[in-house]
Structures are given as structure tokens and as C-alpha cells.
Amino acid sequence: RGGLAHYIVIKDEKIDNYQAVVPSTWNAGPRDPQNQAGA
């Protein structure tokens, strides 16, 4: 369905933050503060 990215921050061999930006987030996501619509 499109570009898929998983972002990770590791501290002391443990996951400190993990965020996934998936294809449907890009395509189906809502409007932003500038009122730009998603795909």
C-alpha cells in the first residue's frame, strides 16, 4: 500500500521510543493544522 517506516530510539539496550508511520497513515490521515487534507 505504500511507503512503510518504523522509527526506533534505543537507550541502554532497551526501546525508549517506537513509532510506525504506515501507508494508510499517509493516505487516510486527517487534516493538519494548515487544514491540508490527506490523500
PDB file of all heavy atoms in Angstrom:
ATOM      1  N   ARG A   1       0.809  -1.226   0.000  1.00  0.00           N
ATOM      2  CA  ARG A   1       0.000   0.000   0.000  1.00  0.00           C
ATOM      3  C   ARG A   1       0.837   1.269   0.000  1.00  0.00           C
ATOM      4  O   ARG A   1       0.279   2.361  -0.011  1.00  0.00           O
ATOM      5  CB  ARG A   1      -0.940  -0.002   1.210  1.00  0.00           C
ATOM      6  CG  ARG A   1      -2.032  -1.050   1.119  1.00  0.00           C
ATOM      7  CD  ARG A   1      -2.928  -1.047   2.346  1.00  0.00           C
ATOM      8  NE  ARG A   1      -3.992  -2.027   2.193  1.00  0.00           N
ATOM      9  CZ  ARG A   1      -3.894  -3.309   2.549  1.00  0.00           C
ATOM     10  NH1 ARG A   1      -2.772  -3.755   3.077  1.00  0.00           N
ATOM     11  NH2 ARG A   1      -4.906  -4.134   2.375  1.00  0.00           N
ATOM     12  N   GLY A   2       2.161   1.147   0.056  1.00  0.00           N
ATOM     13  CA  GLY A   2       2.990   2.344   0.002  1.00  0.00           C
ATOM     14  C   GLY A   2       4.116   2.335   1.000  1.00  0.00           C
ATOM     15  O   GLY A   2       4.401   1.332   1.663  1.00  0.00           O
ATOM     16  N   GLY A   3       4.774   3.492   1.142  1.00  0.00           N
ATOM     17  CA  GLY A   3       5.929   3.623   1.998  1.00  0.00           C
ATOM     18  C   GLY A   3       5.620   3.310   3.455  1.00  0.00           C
ATOM     19  O   GLY A   3       4.716   3.889   4.055  1.00  0.00           O
ATOM     20  N   LEU A   4       6.396   2.387   4.034  1.00  0.00           N
ATOM     21  CA  LEU A   4       6.249   1.971   5.424  1.00  0.00           C
ATOM     22  C   LEU A   4       7.558   2.217   6.147  1.00  0.00           C
ATOM     23  O   LEU A   4       8.614   1.775   5.689  1.00  0.00           O
ATOM     24  CB  LEU A   4       5.884   0.489   5.495  1.00  0.00           C
ATOM     25  CG  LEU A   4       5.940  -0.182   6.869  1.00  0.00           C
ATOM     26  CD1 LEU A   4       4.885   0.389   7.797  1.00  0.00           C
ATOM     27  CD2 LEU A   4       5.767  -1.691   6.731  1.00  0.00           C
ATOM     28  N   ALA A   5       7.513   2.931   7.281  1.00  0.00           N
ATOM     29  CA  ALA A   5       8.725   3.217   8.043  1.00  0.00           C
ATOM     30  C   ALA A   5       8.464   2.996   9.522  1.00  0.00           C
ATOM     31  O   ALA A   5       7.423   3.402  10.044  1.00  0.00           O
ATOM     32  CB  ALA A   5       9.196   4.648   7.804  1.00  0.00           C
ATOM     33  N   HIS A   6       9.412   2.338  10.184  1.00  0.00           N
ATOM     34  CA  HIS A   6       9.379   2.149  11.632  1.00  0.00           C
ATOM     35  C   HIS A   6      10.590   2.867  12.221  1.00  0.00           C
ATOM     36  O   HIS A   6      11.729   2.588  11.839  1.00  0.00           O
ATOM     37  CB  HIS A   6       9.425   0.662  11.993  1.00  0.00           C
ATOM     38  CG  HIS A   6       8.143  -0.054  11.752  1.00  0.00           C
ATOM     39  ND1 HIS A   6       7.651  -1.006  12.616  1.00  0.00           N
ATOM     40  CD2 HIS A   6       7.226   0.042  10.752  1.00  0.00           C
ATOM     41  CE1 HIS A   6       6.489  -1.471  12.163  1.00  0.00           C
ATOM     42  NE2 HIS A   6       6.232  -0.859  11.026  1.00  0.00           N
ATOM     43  N   TYR A   7      10.323   3.783  13.124  1.00  0.00           N
ATOM     44  CA  TYR A   7      11.372   4.583  13.759  1.00  0.00           C
ATOM     45  C   TYR A   7      11.588   4.092  15.188  1.00  0.00           C
ATOM     46  O   TYR A   7      10.620   3.855  15.917  1.00  0.00           O
ATOM     47  CB  TYR A   7      10.982   6.051  13.785  1.00  0.00           C
ATOM     48  CG  TYR A   7      10.910   6.713  12.428  1.00  0.00           C
ATOM     49  CD1 TYR A   7       9.781   6.588  11.623  1.00  0.00           C
ATOM     50  CD2 TYR A   7      11.975   7.480  11.951  1.00  0.00           C
ATOM     51  CE1 TYR A   7       9.708   7.205  10.381  1.00  0.00           C
ATOM     52  CE2 TYR A   7      11.906   8.102  10.709  1.00  0.00           C
ATOM     53  CZ  TYR A   7      10.770   7.956   9.933  1.00  0.00           C
ATOM     54  OH  TYR A   7      10.699   8.569   8.705  1.00  0.00           O
ATOM     55  N   ILE A   8      12.852   3.978  15.611  1.00  0.00           N
ATOM     56  CA  ILE A   8      13.150   3.468  16.936  1.00  0.00           C
ATOM     57  C   ILE A   8      14.247   4.298  17.596  1.00  0.00           C
ATOM     58  O   ILE A   8      15.179   4.760  16.934  1.00  0.00           O
ATOM     59  CB  ILE A   8      13.566   1.981  16.878  1.00  0.00           C
ATOM     60  CG1 ILE A   8      13.649   1.365  18.279  1.00  0.00           C
ATOM     61  CG2 ILE A   8      14.895   1.816  16.141  1.00  0.00           C
ATOM     62  CD1 ILE A   8      13.802  -0.149  18.272  1.00  0.00           C
ATOM     63  N   VAL A   9      14.076   4.510  18.888  1.00  0.00           N
ATOM     64  CA  VAL A   9      15.111   5.124  19.727  1.00  0.00           C
ATOM     65  C   VAL A   9      15.463   4.106  20.807  1.00  0.00           C
ATOM     66  O   VAL A   9      14.570   3.587  21.488  1.00  0.00           O
ATOM     67  CB  VAL A   9      14.624   6.436  20.367  1.00  0.00           C
ATOM     68  CG1 VAL A   9      15.716   7.012  21.274  1.00  0.00           C
ATOM     69  CG2 VAL A   9      14.245   7.449  19.295  1.00  0.00           C
ATOM     70  N   ILE A  10      16.737   3.788  20.953  1.00  0.00           N
ATOM     71  CA  ILE A  10      17.201   2.779  21.904  1.00  0.00           C
ATOM     72  C   ILE A  10      18.116   3.452  22.928  1.00  0.00           C
ATOM     73  O   ILE A  10      19.007   4.223  22.561  1.00  0.00           O
ATOM     74  CB  ILE A  10      17.960   1.645  21.188  1.00  0.00           C
ATOM     75  CG1 ILE A  10      17.035   0.921  20.209  1.00  0.00           C
ATOM     76  CG2 ILE A  10      18.522   0.646  22.201  1.00  0.00           C
ATOM     77  CD1 ILE A  10      17.735  -0.114  19.350  1.00  0.00           C
ATOM     78  N   LYS A  11      17.873   3.171  24.195  1.00  0.00           N
ATOM     79  CA  LYS A  11      18.737   3.645  25.272  1.00  0.00           C
ATOM     80  C   LYS A  11      19.056   2.474  26.191  1.00  0.00           C
ATOM     81  O   LYS A  11      18.142   1.783  26.658  1.00  0.00           O
ATOM     82  CB  LYS A  11      18.068   4.772  26.053  1.00  0.00           C
ATOM     83  CG  LYS A  11      17.893   6.057  25.250  1.00  0.00           C
ATOM     84  CD  LYS A  11      17.305   7.179  26.097  1.00  0.00           C
ATOM     85  CE  LYS A  11      17.151   8.454  25.271  1.00  0.00           C
ATOM     86  NZ  LYS A  11      16.560   9.556  26.089  1.00  0.00           N
ATOM     87  N   ASP A  12      20.343   2.253  26.440  1.00  0.00           N
ATOM     88  CA  ASP A  12      20.798   1.178  27.318  1.00  0.00           C
ATOM     89  C   ASP A  12      20.195  -0.175  26.923  1.00  0.00           C
ATOM     90  O   ASP A  12      19.688  -0.927  27.760  1.00  0.00           O
ATOM     91  CB  ASP A  12      20.457   1.500  28.773  1.00  0.00           C
ATOM     92  CG  ASP A  12      21.159   2.767  29.257  1.00  0.00           C
ATOM     93  OD1 ASP A  12      22.303   2.986  28.831  1.00  0.00           O
ATOM     94  OD2 ASP A  12      20.550   3.523  30.032  1.00  0.00           O
ATOM     95  N   GLU A  13      20.223  -0.452  25.606  1.00  0.00           N
ATOM     96  CA  GLU A  13      19.788  -1.731  25.036  1.00  0.00           C
ATOM     97  C   GLU A  13      18.279  -1.967  25.143  1.00  0.00           C
ATOM     98  O   GLU A  13      17.797  -3.079  24.911  1.00  0.00           O
ATOM     99  CB  GLU A  13      20.538  -2.911  25.676  1.00  0.00           C
ATOM    100  CG  GLU A  13      22.049  -2.829  25.524  1.00  0.00           C
ATOM    101  CD  GLU A  13      22.764  -4.013  26.137  1.00  0.00           C
ATOM    102  OE1 GLU A  13      22.103  -5.038  26.378  1.00  0.00           O
ATOM    103  OE2 GLU A  13      23.977  -3.909  26.390  1.00  0.00           O
ATOM    104  N   LYS A  14      17.512  -0.919  25.497  1.00  0.00           N
ATOM    105  CA  LYS A  14      16.054  -1.052  25.585  1.00  0.00           C
ATOM    106  C   LYS A  14      15.387  -0.026  24.674  1.00  0.00           C
ATOM    107  O   LYS A  14      15.944   1.036  24.391  1.00  0.00           O
ATOM    108  CB  LYS A  14      15.567  -0.843  27.025  1.00  0.00           C
ATOM    109  CG  LYS A  14      16.063  -1.894  28.001  1.00  0.00           C
ATOM    110  CD  LYS A  14      15.546  -1.610  29.408  1.00  0.00           C
ATOM    111  CE  LYS A  14      16.056  -2.640  30.394  1.00  0.00           C
ATOM    112  NZ  LYS A  14      15.581  -2.358  31.780  1.00  0.00           N
ATOM    113  N   ILE A  15      14.188  -0.359  24.234  1.00  0.00           N
ATOM    114  CA  ILE A  15      13.438   0.561  23.380  1.00  0.00           C
ATOM    115  C   ILE A  15      12.943   1.730  24.220  1.00  0.00           C
ATOM    116  O   ILE A  15      12.211   1.552  25.193  1.00  0.00           O
ATOM    117  CB  ILE A  15      12.237  -0.153  22.720  1.00  0.00           C
ATOM    118  CG1 ILE A  15      12.722  -1.271  21.794  1.00  0.00           C
ATOM    119  CG2 ILE A  15      11.390   0.847  21.941  1.00  0.00           C
ATOM    120  CD1 ILE A  15      11.607  -2.130  21.238  1.00  0.00           C
ATOM    121  N   ASP A  16      13.352   2.948  23.841  1.00  0.00           N
ATOM    122  CA  ASP A  16      12.904   4.152  24.535  1.00  0.00           C
ATOM    123  C   ASP A  16      11.714   4.793  23.829  1.00  0.00           C
ATOM    124  O   ASP A  16      10.856   5.381  24.471  1.00  0.00           O
ATOM    125  CB  ASP A  16      14.059   5.153  24.629  1.00  0.00           C
ATOM    126  CG  ASP A  16      13.712   6.371  25.464  1.00  0.00           C
ATOM    127  OD1 ASP A  16      13.503   6.208  26.684  1.00  0.00           O
ATOM    128  OD2 ASP A  16      13.634   7.473  24.903  1.00  0.00           O
ATOM    129  N   ASN A  17      11.670   4.678  22.507  1.00  0.00           N
ATOM    130  CA  ASN A  17      10.531   5.197  21.732  1.00  0.00           C
ATOM    131  C   ASN A  17      10.427   4.405  20.438  1.00  0.00           C
ATOM    132  O   ASN A  17      11.435   4.037  19.852  1.00  0.00           O
ATOM    133  CB  ASN A  17      10.696   6.687  21.425  1.00  0.00           C
ATOM    134  CG  ASN A  17       9.397   7.347  20.973  1.00  0.00           C
ATOM    135  OD1 ASN A  17       8.336   6.718  20.958  1.00  0.00           O
ATOM    136  ND2 ASN A  17       9.470   8.617  20.607  1.00  0.00           N
ATOM    137  N   TYR A  18       9.215   4.120  20.041  1.00  0.00           N
ATOM    138  CA  TYR A  18       8.985   3.358  18.800  1.00  0.00           C
ATOM    139  C   TYR A  18       7.742   3.932  18.126  1.00  0.00           C
ATOM    140  O   TYR A  18       6.668   3.991  18.731  1.00  0.00           O
ATOM    141  CB  TYR A  18       8.775   1.878  19.112  1.00  0.00           C
ATOM    142  CG  TYR A  18       8.937   0.959  17.920  1.00  0.00           C
ATOM    143  CD1 TYR A  18      10.084   0.178  17.771  1.00  0.00           C
ATOM    144  CD2 TYR A  18       7.972   0.871  16.924  1.00  0.00           C
ATOM    145  CE1 TYR A  18      10.262  -0.660  16.681  1.00  0.00           C
ATOM    146  CE2 TYR A  18       8.137   0.041  15.834  1.00  0.00           C
ATOM    147  CZ  TYR A  18       9.281  -0.725  15.718  1.00  0.00           C
ATOM    148  OH  TYR A  18       9.449  -1.551  14.620  1.00  0.00           O
ATOM    149  N   GLN A  19       7.895   4.379  16.900  1.00  0.00           N
ATOM    150  CA  GLN A  19       6.786   4.967  16.161  1.00  0.00           C
ATOM    151  C   GLN A  19       6.764   4.378  14.746  1.00  0.00           C
ATOM    152  O   GLN A  19       7.812   4.263  14.110  1.00  0.00           O
ATOM    153  CB  GLN A  19       6.926   6.493  16.062  1.00  0.00           C
ATOM    154  CG  GLN A  19       6.953   7.210  17.400  1.00  0.00           C
ATOM    155  CD  GLN A  19       5.581   7.313  18.032  1.00  0.00           C
ATOM    156  OE1 GLN A  19       4.559   7.444  17.337  1.00  0.00           O
ATOM    157  NE2 GLN A  19       5.527   7.260  19.357  1.00  0.00           N
ATOM    158  N   ALA A  20       5.597   4.003  14.289  1.00  0.00           N
ATOM    159  CA  ALA A  20       5.430   3.485  12.924  1.00  0.00           C
ATOM    160  C   ALA A  20       4.601   4.477  12.114  1.00  0.00           C
ATOM    161  O   ALA A  20       3.544   4.924  12.556  1.00  0.00           O
ATOM    162  CB  ALA A  20       4.742   2.125  12.946  1.00  0.00           C
ATOM    163  N   VAL A  21       5.115   4.828  10.952  1.00  0.00           N
ATOM    164  CA  VAL A  21       4.370   5.669  10.007  1.00  0.00           C
ATOM    165  C   VAL A  21       4.039   4.783   8.815  1.00  0.00           C
ATOM    166  O   VAL A  21       4.902   4.475   7.995  1.00  0.00           O
ATOM    167  CB  VAL A  21       5.187   6.897   9.570  1.00  0.00           C
ATOM    168  CG1 VAL A  21       4.330   7.806   8.684  1.00  0.00           C
ATOM    169  CG2 VAL A  21       5.678   7.672  10.802  1.00  0.00           C
ATOM    170  N   VAL A  22       2.788   4.359   8.740  1.00  0.00           N
ATOM    171  CA  VAL A  22       2.390   3.320   7.793  1.00  0.00           C
ATOM    172  C   VAL A  22       1.710   3.931   6.570  1.00  0.00           C
ATOM    173  O   VAL A  22       1.306   5.100   6.593  1.00  0.00           O
ATOM    174  CB  VAL A  22       1.465   2.295   8.481  1.00  0.00           C
ATOM    175  CG1 VAL A  22       2.137   1.713   9.720  1.00  0.00           C
ATOM    176  CG2 VAL A  22       0.130   2.936   8.856  1.00  0.00           C
ATOM    177  N   PRO A  23       1.563   3.167   5.471  1.00  0.00           N
ATOM    178  CA  PRO A  23       0.957   3.736   4.261  1.00  0.00           C
ATOM    179  C   PRO A  23      -0.409   4.373   4.483  1.00  0.00           C
ATOM    180  O   PRO A  23      -0.687   5.467   3.969  1.00  0.00           O
ATOM    181  CB  PRO A  23       0.860   2.527   3.323  1.00  0.00           C
ATOM    182  CG  PRO A  23       1.960   1.622   3.756  1.00  0.00           C
ATOM    183  CD  PRO A  23       2.059   1.787   5.241  1.00  0.00           C
ATOM    184  N   SER A  24      -1.277   3.697   5.246  1.00  0.00           N
ATOM    185  CA  SER A  24      -2.616   4.259   5.441  1.00  0.00           C
ATOM    186  C   SER A  24      -2.597   5.492   6.335  1.00  0.00           C
ATOM    187  O   SER A  24      -3.566   6.251   6.349  1.00  0.00           O
ATOM    188  CB  SER A  24      -3.569   3.197   6.010  1.00  0.00           C
ATOM    189  OG  SER A  24      -3.836   2.204   5.032  1.00  0.00           O
ATOM    190  N   THR A  25      -1.514   5.708   7.115  1.00  0.00           N
ATOM    191  CA  THR A  25      -1.395   6.965   7.839  1.00  0.00           C
ATOM    192  C   THR A  25      -1.211   8.108   6.855  1.00  0.00           C
ATOM    193  O   THR A  25      -1.829   9.165   6.989  1.00  0.00           O
ATOM    194  CB  THR A  25      -0.202   6.929   8.814  1.00  0.00           C
ATOM    195  OG1 THR A  25      -0.159   5.675   9.475  1.00  0.00           O
ATOM    196  CG2 THR A  25      -0.318   8.038   9.839  1.00  0.00           C
ATOM    197  N   TRP A  26      -0.354   7.888   5.856  1.00  0.00           N
ATOM    198  CA  TRP A  26      -0.168   8.918   4.828  1.00  0.00           C
ATOM    199  C   TRP A  26      -1.458   9.152   4.037  1.00  0.00           C
ATOM    200  O   TRP A  26      -1.873  10.296   3.825  1.00  0.00           O
ATOM    201  CB  TRP A  26       0.945   8.501   3.864  1.00  0.00           C
ATOM    202  CG  TRP A  26       2.322   8.626   4.414  1.00  0.00           C
ATOM    203  CD1 TRP A  26       3.126   7.623   4.873  1.00  0.00           C
ATOM    204  CD2 TRP A  26       3.075   9.835   4.569  1.00  0.00           C
ATOM    205  NE1 TRP A  26       4.331   8.126   5.308  1.00  0.00           N
ATOM    206  CE2 TRP A  26       4.333   9.472   5.129  1.00  0.00           C
ATOM    207  CE3 TRP A  26       2.827  11.175   4.290  1.00  0.00           C
ATOM    208  CZ2 TRP A  26       5.327  10.422   5.414  1.00  0.00           C
ATOM    209  CZ3 TRP A  26       3.814  12.118   4.576  1.00  0.00           C
ATOM    210  CH2 TRP A  26       5.034  11.736   5.129  1.00  0.00           C
ATOM    211  N   ASN A  27      -2.095   8.078   3.589  1.00  0.00           N
ATOM    212  CA  ASN A  27      -3.227   8.227   2.668  1.00  0.00           C
ATOM    213  C   ASN A  27      -4.534   8.571   3.362  1.00  0.00           C
ATOM    214  O   ASN A  27      -5.337   9.353   2.846  1.00  0.00           O
ATOM    215  CB  ASN A  27      -3.410   6.952   1.848  1.00  0.00           C
ATOM    216  CG  ASN A  27      -2.316   6.743   0.825  1.00  0.00           C
ATOM    217  OD1 ASN A  27      -1.674   7.696   0.378  1.00  0.00           O
ATOM    218  ND2 ASN A  27      -2.085   5.500   0.437  1.00  0.00           N
ATOM    219  N   ALA A  28      -4.777   7.970   4.520  1.00  0.00           N
ATOM    220  CA  ALA A  28      -6.077   8.124   5.181  1.00  0.00           C
ATOM    221  C   ALA A  28      -6.044   9.101   6.342  1.00  0.00           C
ATOM    222  O   ALA A  28      -7.072   9.322   6.981  1.00  0.00           O
ATOM    223  CB  ALA A  28      -6.570   6.760   5.680  1.00  0.00           C
ATOM    224  N   GLY A  29      -4.884   9.673   6.639  1.00  0.00           N
ATOM    225  CA  GLY A  29      -4.777  10.580   7.770  1.00  0.00           C
ATOM    226  C   GLY A  29      -5.650  11.814   7.615  1.00  0.00           C
ATOM    227  O   GLY A  29      -6.019  12.208   6.494  1.00  0.00           O
ATOM    228  N   PRO A  30      -5.989  12.458   8.733  1.00  0.00           N
ATOM    229  CA  PRO A  30      -6.871  13.628   8.699  1.00  0.00           C
ATOM    230  C   PRO A  30      -6.131  14.890   8.286  1.00  0.00           C
ATOM    231  O   PRO A  30      -4.950  14.856   7.935  1.00  0.00           O
ATOM    232  CB  PRO A  30      -7.351  13.719  10.152  1.00  0.00           C
ATOM    233  CG  PRO A  30      -6.183  13.197  10.945  1.00  0.00           C
ATOM    234  CD  PRO A  30      -5.594  12.092  10.100  1.00  0.00           C
ATOM    235  N   ARG A  31      -6.833  16.010   8.368  1.00  0.00           N
ATOM    236  CA  ARG A  31      -6.231  17.297   8.027  1.00  0.00           C
ATOM    237  C   ARG A  31      -5.222  17.722   9.092  1.00  0.00           C
ATOM    238  O   ARG A  31      -5.254  17.261  10.218  1.00  0.00           O
ATOM    239  CB  ARG A  31      -7.327  18.351   7.882  1.00  0.00           C
ATOM    240  CG  ARG A  31      -8.134  18.186   6.595  1.00  0.00           C
ATOM    241  CD  ARG A  31      -9.288  19.156   6.556  1.00  0.00           C
ATOM    242  NE  ARG A  31     -10.393  18.687   7.409  1.00  0.00           N
ATOM    243  CZ  ARG A  31     -11.419  19.459   7.776  1.00  0.00           C
ATOM    244  NH1 ARG A  31     -11.446  20.725   7.405  1.00  0.00           N
ATOM    245  NH2 ARG A  31     -12.381  18.970   8.523  1.00  0.00           N
ATOM    246  N   ASP A  32      -4.327  18.609   8.695  1.00  0.00           N
ATOM    247  CA  ASP A  32      -3.283  19.092   9.597  1.00  0.00           C
ATOM    248  C   ASP A  32      -3.640  20.503  10.088  1.00  0.00           C
ATOM    249  O   ASP A  32      -4.708  21.025   9.763  1.00  0.00           O
ATOM    250  CB  ASP A  32      -1.924  19.052   8.897  1.00  0.00           C
ATOM    251  CG  ASP A  32      -1.888  19.896   7.628  1.00  0.00           C
ATOM    252  OD1 ASP A  32      -2.693  20.846   7.522  1.00  0.00           O
ATOM    253  OD2 ASP A  32      -1.055  19.609   6.738  1.00  0.00           O
ATOM    254  N   PRO A  33      -2.781  21.151  10.881  1.00  0.00           N
ATOM    255  CA  PRO A  33      -3.113  22.496  11.370  1.00  0.00           C
ATOM    256  C   PRO A  33      -3.342  23.523  10.268  1.00  0.00           C
ATOM    257  O   PRO A  33      -4.043  24.519  10.484  1.00  0.00           O
ATOM    258  CB  PRO A  33      -1.888  22.868  12.228  1.00  0.00           C
ATOM    259  CG  PRO A  33      -1.326  21.563  12.673  1.00  0.00           C
ATOM    260  CD  PRO A  33      -1.548  20.625  11.523  1.00  0.00           C
ATOM    261  N   GLN A  34      -2.765  23.301   9.102  1.00  0.00           N
ATOM    262  CA  GLN A  34      -2.991  24.215   7.960  1.00  0.00           C
ATOM    263  C   GLN A  34      -4.227  23.827   7.146  1.00  0.00           C
ATOM    264  O   GLN A  34      -4.472  24.362   6.074  1.00  0.00           O
ATOM    265  CB  GLN A  34      -1.756  24.236   7.058  1.00  0.00           C
ATOM    266  CG  GLN A  34      -0.588  25.044   7.608  1.00  0.00           C
ATOM    267  CD  GLN A  34       0.036  24.383   8.821  1.00  0.00           C
ATOM    268  OE1 GLN A  34       0.313  23.183   8.806  1.00  0.00           O
ATOM    269  NE2 GLN A  34       0.262  25.158   9.873  1.00  0.00           N
ATOM    270  N   ASN A  35      -4.974  22.841   7.659  1.00  0.00           N
ATOM    271  CA  ASN A  35      -6.202  22.366   7.029  1.00  0.00           C
ATOM    272  C   ASN A  35      -5.956  21.653   5.703  1.00  0.00           C
ATOM    273  O   ASN A  35      -6.858  21.528   4.873  1.00  0.00           O
ATOM    274  CB  ASN A  35      -7.213  23.502   6.815  1.00  0.00           C
ATOM    275  CG  ASN A  35      -8.644  23.016   6.938  1.00  0.00           C
ATOM    276  OD1 ASN A  35      -8.949  22.148   7.753  1.00  0.00           O
ATOM    277  ND2 ASN A  35      -9.525  23.575   6.128  1.00  0.00           N
ATOM    278  N   GLN A  36      -4.730  21.157   5.499  1.00  0.00           N
ATOM    279  CA  GLN A  36      -4.448  20.353   4.318  1.00  0.00           C
ATOM    280  C   GLN A  36      -5.054  18.961   4.493  1.00  0.00           C
ATOM    281  O   GLN A  36      -4.798  18.289   5.501  1.00  0.00           O
ATOM    282  CB  GLN A  36      -2.939  20.189   4.112  1.00  0.00           C
ATOM    283  CG  GLN A  36      -2.186  21.439   3.772  1.00  0.00           C
ATOM    284  CD  GLN A  36      -0.716  21.142   3.560  1.00  0.00           C
ATOM    285  OE1 GLN A  36      -0.238  21.019   2.426  1.00  0.00           O
ATOM    286  NE2 GLN A  36       0.037  21.039   4.647  1.00  0.00           N
ATOM    287  N   ALA A  37      -5.827  18.544   3.530  1.00  0.00           N
ATOM    288  CA  ALA A  37      -6.451  17.221   3.592  1.00  0.00           C
ATOM    289  C   ALA A  37      -5.432  16.138   3.277  1.00  0.00           C
ATOM    290  O   ALA A  37      -4.438  16.378   2.582  1.00  0.00           O
ATOM    291  CB  ALA A  37      -7.611  17.146   2.610  1.00  0.00           C
ATOM    292  N   GLY A  38      -5.686  14.929   3.796  1.00  0.00           N
ATOM    293  CA  GLY A  38      -4.908  13.772   3.397  1.00  0.00           C
ATOM    294  C   GLY A  38      -5.340  13.280   2.031  1.00  0.00           C
ATOM    295  O   GLY A  38      -6.258  13.840   1.403  1.00  0.00           O
ATOM    296  N   ALA A  39      -4.706  12.215   1.555  1.00  0.00           N
ATOM    297  CA  ALA A  39      -4.928  11.748   0.183  1.00  0.00           C
ATOM    298  C   ALA A  39      -6.371  11.286  -0.048  1.00  0.00           C
ATOM    299  O   ALA A  39      -6.964  11.596  -1.091  1.00  0.00           O
ATOM    300  CB  ALA A  39      -3.946  10.636  -0.158  1.00  0.00           C
TER     301      ALA A  39
END
